[in-house]
Amino acid sequence: MAAIVDAPAPEPERIQGWRCIGCGKVDAPRPCIGVCQDRKFELVAAADYDALLTRVRALEGALRLIAHTMPREDRLADSWQALQGLARRLLG
């Protein structure tokens, strides 16, 4: 299955910062060059993102398998059951 899962995905920019364990305030200072504009920005915990990326890659691997596999006519039922089993495992 590992060969199926390996798909390149663009890496998002990761910003190092600090989050208050009391109020949740996030701070990520950077040097200002005098043209700053504040915009609302949503952050996601890296561990949450990494877990979702792993899941997406596994699901994409299953889709690639479905898209690029042509089972033999006499093995259609077996192939379908194998793909269903893979899908069930990935969906948890």
PDB file of N, CA and C in Angstrom:
ATOM      1  N   MET A   1       0.827  -1.194   0.000  1.00  0.00           N
ATOM      2  CA  MET A   1       0.000   0.000   0.000  1.00  0.00           C
ATOM      3  C   MET A   1       0.865   1.249   0.000  1.00  0.00           C
ATOM      4  N   ALA A   2       2.074   1.187   0.544  1.00  0.00           N
ATOM      5  CA  ALA A   2       2.917   2.377   0.644  1.00  0.00           C
ATOM      6  C   ALA A   2       3.203   2.988  -0.721  1.00  0.00           C
ATOM      7  N   ALA A   3       3.405   2.160  -1.744  1.00  0.00           N
ATOM      8  CA  ALA A   3       3.680   2.691  -3.072  1.00  0.00           C
ATOM      9  C   ALA A   3       2.487   3.457  -3.614  1.00  0.00           C
ATOM     10  N   ILE A   4       1.303   3.064  -3.226  1.00  0.00           N
ATOM     11  CA  ILE A   4       0.094   3.731  -3.699  1.00  0.00           C
ATOM     12  C   ILE A   4      -0.067   5.081  -3.014  1.00  0.00           C
ATOM     13  N   VAL A   5       0.336   5.183  -1.776  1.00  0.00           N
ATOM     14  CA  VAL A   5       0.094   6.378  -0.966  1.00  0.00           C
ATOM     15  C   VAL A   5       1.045   7.520  -1.316  1.00  0.00           C
ATOM     16  N   ASP A   6       2.234   7.227  -1.839  1.00  0.00           N
ATOM     17  CA  ASP A   6       3.226   8.266  -2.107  1.00  0.00           C
ATOM     18  C   ASP A   6       2.782   9.172  -3.241  1.00  0.00           C
ATOM     19  N   ALA A   7       2.227  10.317  -2.892  1.00  0.00           N
ATOM     20  CA  ALA A   7       1.819  11.305  -3.880  1.00  0.00           C
ATOM     21  C   ALA A   7       2.306  12.667  -3.421  1.00  0.00           C
ATOM     22  N   PRO A   8       2.956  13.394  -4.326  1.00  0.00           N
ATOM     23  CA  PRO A   8       3.431  14.713  -3.905  1.00  0.00           C
ATOM     24  C   PRO A   8       2.269  15.657  -3.632  1.00  0.00           C
ATOM     25  N   ALA A   9       2.385  16.410  -2.570  1.00  0.00           N
ATOM     26  CA  ALA A   9       1.376  17.413  -2.236  1.00  0.00           C
ATOM     27  C   ALA A   9       2.114  18.692  -1.893  1.00  0.00           C
ATOM     28  N   PRO A  10       1.573  19.813  -2.292  1.00  0.00           N
ATOM     29  CA  PRO A  10       2.258  21.064  -1.959  1.00  0.00           C
ATOM     30  C   PRO A  10       2.301  21.272  -0.451  1.00  0.00           C
ATOM     31  N   GLU A  11       3.449  21.668   0.035  1.00  0.00           N
ATOM     32  CA  GLU A  11       3.598  21.934   1.467  1.00  0.00           C
ATOM     33  C   GLU A  11       3.126  23.345   1.757  1.00  0.00           C
ATOM     34  N   PRO A  12       2.285  23.505   2.757  1.00  0.00           N
ATOM     35  CA  PRO A  12       1.851  24.852   3.125  1.00  0.00           C
ATOM     36  C   PRO A  12       2.972  25.582   3.865  1.00  0.00           C
ATOM     37  N   GLU A  13       2.892  26.889   3.870  1.00  0.00           N
ATOM     38  CA  GLU A  13       3.848  27.664   4.651  1.00  0.00           C
ATOM     39  C   GLU A  13       3.570  27.417   6.128  1.00  0.00           C
ATOM     40  N   ARG A  14       4.607  27.127   6.871  1.00  0.00           N
ATOM     41  CA  ARG A  14       4.464  26.935   8.312  1.00  0.00           C
ATOM     42  C   ARG A  14       5.089  28.129   9.009  1.00  0.00           C
ATOM     43  N   ILE A  15       4.336  28.717   9.902  1.00  0.00           N
ATOM     44  CA  ILE A  15       4.787  29.885  10.640  1.00  0.00           C
ATOM     45  C   ILE A  15       5.014  29.474  12.087  1.00  0.00           C
ATOM     46  N   GLN A  16       6.218  29.719  12.574  1.00  0.00           N
ATOM     47  CA  GLN A  16       6.515  29.429  13.975  1.00  0.00           C
ATOM     48  C   GLN A  16       5.982  30.573  14.827  1.00  0.00           C
ATOM     49  N   GLY A  17       5.345  30.251  15.904  1.00  0.00           N
ATOM     50  CA  GLY A  17       4.805  31.290  16.767  1.00  0.00           C
ATOM     51  C   GLY A  17       4.576  30.760  18.163  1.00  0.00           C
ATOM     52  N   TRP A  18       3.887  31.548  18.959  1.00  0.00           N
ATOM     53  CA  TRP A  18       3.584  31.194  20.333  1.00  0.00           C
ATOM     54  C   TRP A  18       2.085  31.297  20.537  1.00  0.00           C
ATOM     55  N   ARG A  19       1.535  30.370  21.315  1.00  0.00           N
ATOM     56  CA  ARG A  19       0.114  30.415  21.651  1.00  0.00           C
ATOM     57  C   ARG A  19      -0.013  30.335  23.163  1.00  0.00           C
ATOM     58  N   CYS A  20      -0.799  31.240  23.720  1.00  0.00           N
ATOM     59  CA  CYS A  20      -1.015  31.272  25.163  1.00  0.00           C
ATOM     60  C   CYS A  20      -1.858  30.065  25.574  1.00  0.00           C
ATOM     61  N   ILE A  21      -1.395  29.338  26.602  1.00  0.00           N
ATOM     62  CA  ILE A  21      -2.158  28.175  27.056  1.00  0.00           C
ATOM     63  C   ILE A  21      -3.363  28.582  27.885  1.00  0.00           C
ATOM     64  N   GLY A  22      -3.438  29.858  28.249  1.00  0.00           N
ATOM     65  CA  GLY A  22      -4.582  30.344  29.024  1.00  0.00           C
ATOM     66  C   GLY A  22      -5.697  30.857  28.132  1.00  0.00           C
ATOM     67  N   CYS A  23      -5.395  31.885  27.334  1.00  0.00           N
ATOM     68  CA  CYS A  23      -6.446  32.532  26.534  1.00  0.00           C
ATOM     69  C   CYS A  23      -6.440  32.105  25.075  1.00  0.00           C
ATOM     70  N   GLY A  24      -5.354  31.474  24.599  1.00  0.00           N
ATOM     71  CA  GLY A  24      -5.287  31.033  23.210  1.00  0.00           C
ATOM     72  C   GLY A  24      -4.705  32.057  22.252  1.00  0.00           C
ATOM     73  N   LYS A  25      -4.283  33.218  22.761  1.00  0.00           N
ATOM     74  CA  LYS A  25      -3.699  34.257  21.909  1.00  0.00           C
ATOM     75  C   LYS A  25      -2.513  33.679  21.137  1.00  0.00           C
ATOM     76  N   VAL A  26      -2.421  34.038  19.853  1.00  0.00           N
ATOM     77  CA  VAL A  26      -1.329  33.577  19.005  1.00  0.00           C
ATOM     78  C   VAL A  26      -0.466  34.774  18.638  1.00  0.00           C
ATOM     79  N   ASP A  27       0.851  34.589  18.691  1.00  0.00           N
ATOM     80  CA  ASP A  27       1.774  35.658  18.341  1.00  0.00           C
ATOM     81  C   ASP A  27       2.878  35.063  17.485  1.00  0.00           C
ATOM     82  N   ALA A  28       3.138  35.682  16.357  1.00  0.00           N
ATOM     83  CA  ALA A  28       4.198  35.235  15.468  1.00  0.00           C
ATOM     84  C   ALA A  28       4.900  36.465  14.902  1.00  0.00           C
ATOM     85  N   PRO A  29       5.776  37.084  15.686  1.00  0.00           N
ATOM     86  CA  PRO A  29       6.411  38.320  15.230  1.00  0.00           C
ATOM     87  C   PRO A  29       7.387  38.089  14.082  1.00  0.00           C
ATOM     88  N   ARG A  30       7.392  39.051  13.193  1.00  0.00           N
ATOM     89  CA  ARG A  30       8.344  39.052  12.085  1.00  0.00           C
ATOM     90  C   ARG A  30       8.853  40.484  11.925  1.00  0.00           C
ATOM     91  N   PRO A  31      10.011  40.668  11.329  1.00  0.00           N
ATOM     92  CA  PRO A  31      10.514  42.023  11.125  1.00  0.00           C
ATOM     93  C   PRO A  31       9.596  42.807  10.179  1.00  0.00           C
ATOM     94  N   CYS A  32       9.227  44.020  10.576  1.00  0.00           N
ATOM     95  CA  CYS A  32       8.364  44.861   9.752  1.00  0.00           C
ATOM     96  C   CYS A  32       9.222  45.668   8.782  1.00  0.00           C
ATOM     97  N   ILE A  33       8.785  45.725   7.528  1.00  0.00           N
ATOM     98  CA  ILE A  33       9.505  46.534   6.537  1.00  0.00           C
ATOM     99  C   ILE A  33       8.730  47.808   6.214  1.00  0.00           C
ATOM    100  N   GLY A  34       7.703  48.115   7.019  1.00  0.00           N
ATOM    101  CA  GLY A  34       6.987  49.370   6.877  1.00  0.00           C
ATOM    102  C   GLY A  34       5.785  49.358   5.959  1.00  0.00           C
ATOM    103  N   VAL A  35       5.401  48.210   5.454  1.00  0.00           N
ATOM    104  CA  VAL A  35       4.246  48.143   4.549  1.00  0.00           C
ATOM    105  C   VAL A  35       3.195  47.162   5.066  1.00  0.00           C
ATOM    106  N   CYS A  36       3.173  46.944   6.354  1.00  0.00           N
ATOM    107  CA  CYS A  36       2.286  45.935   6.932  1.00  0.00           C
ATOM    108  C   CYS A  36       0.814  46.294   6.775  1.00  0.00           C
ATOM    109  N   GLN A  37       0.011  45.281   6.523  1.00  0.00           N
ATOM    110  CA  GLN A  37      -1.446  45.372   6.534  1.00  0.00           C
ATOM    111  C   GLN A  37      -1.942  44.143   7.277  1.00  0.00           C
ATOM    112  N   ASP A  38      -2.747  44.362   8.298  1.00  0.00           N
ATOM    113  CA  ASP A  38      -3.274  43.230   9.055  1.00  0.00           C
ATOM    114  C   ASP A  38      -4.482  42.652   8.342  1.00  0.00           C
ATOM    115  N   ARG A  39      -4.512  41.347   8.213  1.00  0.00           N
ATOM    116  CA  ARG A  39      -5.637  40.632   7.618  1.00  0.00           C
ATOM    117  C   ARG A  39      -5.973  39.453   8.510  1.00  0.00           C
ATOM    118  N   LYS A  40      -7.258  39.128   8.524  1.00  0.00           N
ATOM    119  CA  LYS A  40      -7.685  37.953   9.287  1.00  0.00           C
ATOM    120  C   LYS A  40      -7.032  36.722   8.653  1.00  0.00           C
ATOM    121  N   PHE A  41      -6.562  35.820   9.493  1.00  0.00           N
ATOM    122  CA  PHE A  41      -5.823  34.664   9.016  1.00  0.00           C
ATOM    123  C   PHE A  41      -6.171  33.482   9.900  1.00  0.00           C
ATOM    124  N   GLU A  42      -6.495  32.357   9.319  1.00  0.00           N
ATOM    125  CA  GLU A  42      -6.832  31.171  10.100  1.00  0.00           C
ATOM    126  C   GLU A  42      -5.616  30.264  10.207  1.00  0.00           C
ATOM    127  N   LEU A  43      -5.361  29.791  11.399  1.00  0.00           N
ATOM    128  CA  LEU A  43      -4.242  28.894  11.651  1.00  0.00           C
ATOM    129  C   LEU A  43      -4.770  27.529  12.069  1.00  0.00           C
ATOM    130  N   VAL A  44      -4.025  26.517  11.703  1.00  0.00           N
ATOM    131  CA  VAL A  44      -4.373  25.147  12.066  1.00  0.00           C
ATOM    132  C   VAL A  44      -3.151  24.541  12.742  1.00  0.00           C
ATOM    133  N   ALA A  45      -3.377  23.788  13.781  1.00  0.00           N
ATOM    134  CA  ALA A  45      -2.268  23.105  14.453  1.00  0.00           C
ATOM    135  C   ALA A  45      -1.584  22.158  13.469  1.00  0.00           C
ATOM    136  N   ALA A  46      -0.263  22.186  13.446  1.00  0.00           N
ATOM    137  CA  ALA A  46       0.498  21.369  12.503  1.00  0.00           C
ATOM    138  C   ALA A  46       0.171  19.886  12.642  1.00  0.00           C
ATOM    139  N   ALA A  47      -0.008  19.402  13.854  1.00  0.00           N
ATOM    140  CA  ALA A  47      -0.318  17.978  14.059  1.00  0.00           C
ATOM    141  C   ALA A  47      -1.662  17.622  13.429  1.00  0.00           C
ATOM    142  N   ASP A  48      -2.655  18.518  13.545  1.00  0.00           N
ATOM    143  CA  ASP A  48      -3.957  18.272  12.921  1.00  0.00           C
ATOM    144  C   ASP A  48      -3.827  18.251  11.401  1.00  0.00           C
ATOM    145  N   TYR A  49      -3.084  19.212  10.861  1.00  0.00           N
ATOM    146  CA  TYR A  49      -2.871  19.273   9.416  1.00  0.00           C
ATOM    147  C   TYR A  49      -2.154  18.013   8.932  1.00  0.00           C
ATOM    148  N   ASP A  50      -1.093  17.613   9.628  1.00  0.00           N
ATOM    149  CA  ASP A  50      -0.326  16.435   9.225  1.00  0.00           C
ATOM    150  C   ASP A  50      -1.190  15.178   9.232  1.00  0.00           C
ATOM    151  N   ALA A  51      -2.054  15.046  10.236  1.00  0.00           N
ATOM    152  CA  ALA A  51      -2.946  13.879  10.307  1.00  0.00           C
ATOM    153  C   ALA A  51      -3.906  13.871   9.121  1.00  0.00           C
ATOM    154  N   LEU A  52      -4.457  15.028   8.787  1.00  0.00           N
ATOM    155  CA  LEU A  52      -5.368  15.095   7.643  1.00  0.00           C
ATOM    156  C   LEU A  52      -4.638  14.851   6.331  1.00  0.00           C
ATOM    157  N   LEU A  53      -3.422  15.368   6.201  1.00  0.00           N
ATOM    158  CA  LEU A  53      -2.650  15.146   4.983  1.00  0.00           C
ATOM    159  C   LEU A  53      -2.361  13.660   4.788  1.00  0.00           C
ATOM    160  N   THR A  54      -2.022  12.968   5.862  1.00  0.00           N
ATOM    161  CA  THR A  54      -1.784  11.526   5.783  1.00  0.00           C
ATOM    162  C   THR A  54      -3.038  10.804   5.310  1.00  0.00           C
ATOM    163  N   ARG A  55      -4.183  11.198   5.855  1.00  0.00           N
ATOM    164  CA  ARG A  55      -5.456  10.576   5.464  1.00  0.00           C
ATOM    165  C   ARG A  55      -5.790  10.866   4.001  1.00  0.00           C
ATOM    166  N   VAL A  56      -5.611  12.101   3.572  1.00  0.00           N
ATOM    167  CA  VAL A  56      -5.893  12.472   2.180  1.00  0.00           C
ATOM    168  C   VAL A  56      -4.998  11.686   1.233  1.00  0.00           C
ATOM    169  N   ARG A  57      -3.720  11.555   1.574  1.00  0.00           N
ATOM    170  CA  ARG A  57      -2.804  10.805   0.705  1.00  0.00           C
ATOM    171  C   ARG A  57      -3.225   9.343   0.592  1.00  0.00           C
ATOM    172  N   ALA A  58      -3.665   8.753   1.686  1.00  0.00           N
ATOM    173  CA  ALA A  58      -4.120   7.359   1.649  1.00  0.00           C
ATOM    174  C   ALA A  58      -5.372   7.229   0.787  1.00  0.00           C
ATOM    175  N   LEU A  59      -6.315   8.158   0.937  1.00  0.00           N
ATOM    176  CA  LEU A  59      -7.539   8.111   0.134  1.00  0.00           C
ATOM    177  C   LEU A  59      -7.238   8.348  -1.341  1.00  0.00           C
ATOM    178  N   GLU A  60      -6.318   9.272  -1.640  1.00  0.00           N
ATOM    179  CA  GLU A  60      -5.926   9.492  -3.027  1.00  0.00           C
ATOM    180  C   GLU A  60      -5.267   8.251  -3.612  1.00  0.00           C
ATOM    181  N   GLY A  61      -4.496   7.548  -2.786  1.00  0.00           N
ATOM    182  CA  GLY A  61      -3.875   6.308  -3.246  1.00  0.00           C
ATOM    183  C   GLY A  61      -4.920   5.272  -3.628  1.00  0.00           C
ATOM    184  N   ALA A  62      -5.977   5.172  -2.829  1.00  0.00           N
ATOM    185  CA  ALA A  62      -7.059   4.235  -3.150  1.00  0.00           C
ATOM    186  C   ALA A  62      -7.756   4.650  -4.439  1.00  0.00           C
ATOM    187  N   LEU A  63      -7.977   5.940  -4.615  1.00  0.00           N
ATOM    188  CA  LEU A  63      -8.604   6.412  -5.855  1.00  0.00           C
ATOM    189  C   LEU A  63      -7.718   6.135  -7.063  1.00  0.00           C
ATOM    190  N   ARG A  64      -6.386   6.324  -6.898  1.00  0.00           N
ATOM    191  CA  ARG A  64      -5.471   6.022  -7.994  1.00  0.00           C
ATOM    192  C   ARG A  64      -5.533   4.546  -8.353  1.00  0.00           C
ATOM    193  N   LEU A  65      -5.618   3.698  -7.334  1.00  0.00           N
ATOM    194  CA  LEU A  65      -5.718   2.261  -7.563  1.00  0.00           C
ATOM    195  C   LEU A  65      -6.980   1.933  -8.359  1.00  0.00           C
ATOM    196  N   ILE A  66      -8.097   2.529  -7.972  1.00  0.00           N
ATOM    197  CA  ILE A  66      -9.356   2.306  -8.689  1.00  0.00           C
ATOM    198  C   ILE A  66      -9.248   2.825 -10.121  1.00  0.00           C
ATOM    199  N   ALA A  67      -8.663   4.004 -10.285  1.00  0.00           N
ATOM    200  CA  ALA A  67      -8.587   4.636 -11.604  1.00  0.00           C
ATOM    201  C   ALA A  67      -7.673   3.888 -12.565  1.00  0.00           C
ATOM    202  N   HIS A  68      -6.632   3.247 -12.048  1.00  0.00           N
ATOM    203  CA  HIS A  68      -5.627   2.644 -12.925  1.00  0.00           C
ATOM    204  C   HIS A  68      -5.613   1.120 -12.899  1.00  0.00           C
ATOM    205  N   THR A  69      -6.618   0.509 -12.321  1.00  0.00           N
ATOM    206  CA  THR A  69      -6.671  -0.950 -12.257  1.00  0.00           C
ATOM    207  C   THR A  69      -7.778  -1.465 -13.155  1.00  0.00           C
ATOM    208  N   MET A  70      -7.438  -2.439 -13.991  1.00  0.00           N
ATOM    209  CA  MET A  70      -8.434  -3.087 -14.834  1.00  0.00           C
ATOM    210  C   MET A  70      -8.441  -4.571 -14.462  1.00  0.00           C
ATOM    211  N   PRO A  71      -9.400  -4.979 -13.633  1.00  0.00           N
ATOM    212  CA  PRO A  71      -9.427  -6.383 -13.217  1.00  0.00           C
ATOM    213  C   PRO A  71      -9.791  -7.298 -14.385  1.00  0.00           C
ATOM    214  N   ARG A  72      -9.334  -8.525 -14.277  1.00  0.00           N
ATOM    215  CA  ARG A  72      -9.715  -9.509 -15.295  1.00  0.00           C
ATOM    216  C   ARG A  72     -11.203  -9.800 -15.150  1.00  0.00           C
ATOM    217  N   GLU A  73     -11.848 -10.114 -16.257  1.00  0.00           N
ATOM    218  CA  GLU A  73     -13.299 -10.345 -16.232  1.00  0.00           C
ATOM    219  C   GLU A  73     -13.694 -11.455 -15.274  1.00  0.00           C
ATOM    220  N   ASP A  74     -12.877 -12.494 -15.205  1.00  0.00           N
ATOM    221  CA  ASP A  74     -13.226 -13.617 -14.334  1.00  0.00           C
ATOM    222  C   ASP A  74     -12.931 -13.324 -12.858  1.00  0.00           C
ATOM    223  N   ARG A  75     -12.365 -12.145 -12.552  1.00  0.00           N
ATOM    224  CA  ARG A  75     -12.029 -11.792 -11.172  1.00  0.00           C
ATOM    225  C   ARG A  75     -12.682 -10.481 -10.730  1.00  0.00           C
ATOM    226  N   LEU A  76     -13.722 -10.039 -11.436  1.00  0.00           N
ATOM    227  CA  LEU A  76     -14.372  -8.773 -11.104  1.00  0.00           C
ATOM    228  C   LEU A  76     -14.878  -8.749  -9.665  1.00  0.00           C
ATOM    229  N   ALA A  77     -15.547  -9.809  -9.245  1.00  0.00           N
ATOM    230  CA  ALA A  77     -16.104  -9.847  -7.888  1.00  0.00           C
ATOM    231  C   ALA A  77     -14.989  -9.790  -6.844  1.00  0.00           C
ATOM    232  N   ASP A  78     -13.910 -10.540  -7.069  1.00  0.00           N
ATOM    233  CA  ASP A  78     -12.782 -10.522  -6.126  1.00  0.00           C
ATOM    234  C   ASP A  78     -12.145  -9.134  -6.058  1.00  0.00           C
ATOM    235  N   SER A  79     -11.970  -8.519  -7.226  1.00  0.00           N
ATOM    236  CA  SER A  79     -11.371  -7.180  -7.263  1.00  0.00           C
ATOM    237  C   SER A  79     -12.258  -6.176  -6.543  1.00  0.00           C
ATOM    238  N   TRP A  80     -13.559  -6.258  -6.791  1.00  0.00           N
ATOM    239  CA  TRP A  80     -14.493  -5.340  -6.140  1.00  0.00           C
ATOM    240  C   TRP A  80     -14.438  -5.509  -4.621  1.00  0.00           C
ATOM    241  N   GLN A  81     -14.411  -6.752  -4.150  1.00  0.00           N
ATOM    242  CA  GLN A  81     -14.352  -6.998  -2.710  1.00  0.00           C
ATOM    243  C   GLN A  81     -13.045  -6.477  -2.111  1.00  0.00           C
ATOM    244  N   ALA A  82     -11.945  -6.643  -2.836  1.00  0.00           N
ATOM    245  CA  ALA A  82     -10.659  -6.134  -2.347  1.00  0.00           C
ATOM    246  C   ALA A  82     -10.685  -4.608  -2.255  1.00  0.00           C
ATOM    247  N   LEU A  83     -11.249  -3.952  -3.264  1.00  0.00           N
ATOM    248  CA  LEU A  83     -11.345  -2.489  -3.238  1.00  0.00           C
ATOM    249  C   LEU A  83     -12.278  -2.014  -2.125  1.00  0.00           C
ATOM    250  N   GLN A  84     -13.365  -2.745  -1.910  1.00  0.00           N
ATOM    251  CA  GLN A  84     -14.269  -2.398  -0.807  1.00  0.00           C
ATOM    252  C   GLN A  84     -13.553  -2.533   0.535  1.00  0.00           C
ATOM    253  N   GLY A  85     -12.768  -3.591   0.682  1.00  0.00           N
ATOM    254  CA  GLY A  85     -12.019  -3.790   1.923  1.00  0.00           C
ATOM    255  C   GLY A  85     -11.031  -2.657   2.162  1.00  0.00           C
ATOM    256  N   LEU A  86     -10.332  -2.249   1.104  1.00  0.00           N
ATOM    257  CA  LEU A  86      -9.397  -1.134   1.212  1.00  0.00           C
ATOM    258  C   LEU A  86     -10.137   0.138   1.620  1.00  0.00           C
ATOM    259  N   ALA A  87     -11.259   0.404   0.967  1.00  0.00           N
ATOM    260  CA  ALA A  87     -12.045   1.607   1.281  1.00  0.00           C
ATOM    261  C   ALA A  87     -12.530   1.578   2.730  1.00  0.00           C
ATOM    262  N   ARG A  88     -12.987   0.439   3.187  1.00  0.00           N
ATOM    263  CA  ARG A  88     -13.471   0.334   4.573  1.00  0.00           C
ATOM    264  C   ARG A  88     -12.352   0.602   5.574  1.00  0.00           C
ATOM    265  N   ARG A  89     -11.163   0.051   5.284  1.00  0.00           N
ATOM    266  CA  ARG A  89     -10.025   0.284   6.185  1.00  0.00           C
ATOM    267  C   ARG A  89      -9.655   1.771   6.216  1.00  0.00           C
ATOM    268  N   LEU A  90      -9.646   2.405   5.058  1.00  0.00           N
ATOM    269  CA  LEU A  90      -9.262   3.817   5.002  1.00  0.00           C
ATOM    270  C   LEU A  90     -10.306   4.727   5.631  1.00  0.00           C
ATOM    271  N   LEU A  91     -11.566   4.349   5.522  1.00  0.00           N
ATOM    272  CA  LEU A  91     -12.627   5.168   6.102  1.00  0.00           C
ATOM    273  C   LEU A  91     -12.766   4.942   7.601  1.00  0.00           C
ATOM    274  N   GLY A  92     -12.132   3.888   8.083  1.00  0.00           N
ATOM    275  CA  GLY A  92     -12.101   3.629   9.526  1.00  0.00           C
ATOM    276  C   GLY A  92     -13.345   3.016  10.022  1.00  0.00           C
TER     277      GLY A  92
END
